[in-house]
């Protein structure tokens, strides 16, 4: 939501804007960075799928039990 609101303000007050692809890339990078910073995530098929989809290292998972 932050990036969308910031984009809105930049368009109104600075007359600057990003392309849709640039905005999506910023959002994806922030989500990827946030998820990558988590530790000890439970290893599951769903979580592995999410990591693959977002190109996140499998190191975010805690040690195998």
Protein backbone atom coordinates (compact mmCIF):
# COMPACT_ATOMS: atom_id res chain seq x y z
CA UNK A 1 0.00 0.00 0.00
CA UNK A 2 2.92 2.29 0.77
CA UNK A 3 4.21 2.27 -2.81
CA UNK A 4 0.78 2.90 -4.30
CA UNK A 5 0.18 5.86 -1.97
CA UNK A 6 3.66 7.23 -2.61
CA UNK A 7 3.11 6.91 -6.37
CA UNK A 8 -0.14 8.83 -6.01
CA UNK A 9 1.56 11.64 -4.08
CA UNK A 10 4.46 11.82 -6.54
CA UNK A 11 2.03 12.16 -9.44
CA UNK A 12 0.05 14.92 -7.73
CA UNK A 13 2.75 16.95 -6.00
CA UNK A 14 5.92 16.31 -8.03
CA UNK A 15 4.44 15.47 -11.41
CA UNK A 16 6.64 12.37 -11.43
CA UNK A 17 5.55 8.82 -12.02
CA UNK A 18 6.84 5.32 -12.47
CA UNK A 19 5.65 2.92 -15.09
CA UNK A 20 3.42 0.10 -13.94
CA UNK A 21 6.31 -2.34 -14.39
CA UNK A 22 8.64 -0.20 -12.25
CA UNK A 23 6.02 0.07 -9.50
CA UNK A 24 5.43 -3.68 -9.51
CA UNK A 25 9.19 -4.31 -9.39
CA UNK A 26 9.54 -2.05 -6.33
CA UNK A 27 6.72 -3.86 -4.55
CA UNK A 28 8.13 -7.28 -5.44
CA UNK A 29 11.61 -6.30 -4.23
CA UNK A 30 10.23 -5.10 -0.89
CA UNK A 31 8.16 -8.26 -0.40
CA UNK A 32 11.14 -10.44 -1.33
CA UNK A 33 13.41 -8.56 1.11
CA UNK A 34 10.87 -8.81 3.90
CA UNK A 35 10.31 -12.53 3.48
CA UNK A 36 14.05 -13.15 3.15
CA UNK A 37 14.64 -11.47 6.50
CA UNK A 38 12.35 -13.90 8.36
CA UNK A 39 14.00 -16.73 10.23
CA UNK A 40 12.86 -20.18 11.27
CA UNK A 41 9.97 -20.44 8.86
CA UNK A 42 8.34 -23.86 8.97
CA UNK A 43 9.40 -26.02 6.02
CA UNK A 44 6.29 -27.09 4.13
CA UNK A 45 5.33 -27.70 0.53
CA UNK A 46 3.38 -24.44 0.42
CA UNK A 47 6.26 -22.41 1.87
CA UNK A 48 8.71 -24.04 -0.56
CA UNK A 49 6.39 -23.12 -3.42
CA UNK A 50 6.19 -19.51 -2.24
CA UNK A 51 9.99 -19.32 -1.99
CA UNK A 52 10.36 -20.66 -5.52
CA UNK A 53 7.77 -18.26 -6.90
CA UNK A 54 9.40 -15.23 -5.23
CA UNK A 55 13.01 -16.39 -5.85
CA UNK A 56 13.78 -16.54 -2.12
CA UNK A 57 16.59 -18.66 -0.76
CA UNK A 58 15.59 -21.81 1.12
CA UNK A 59 17.89 -20.63 3.92
CA UNK A 60 14.89 -18.81 5.47
CA UNK A 61 13.74 -22.16 6.81
CA UNK A 62 14.86 -23.19 10.27
CA UNK A 63 16.77 -26.40 10.86
CA UNK A 64 14.96 -29.58 9.87
CA UNK A 65 13.21 -31.28 12.73
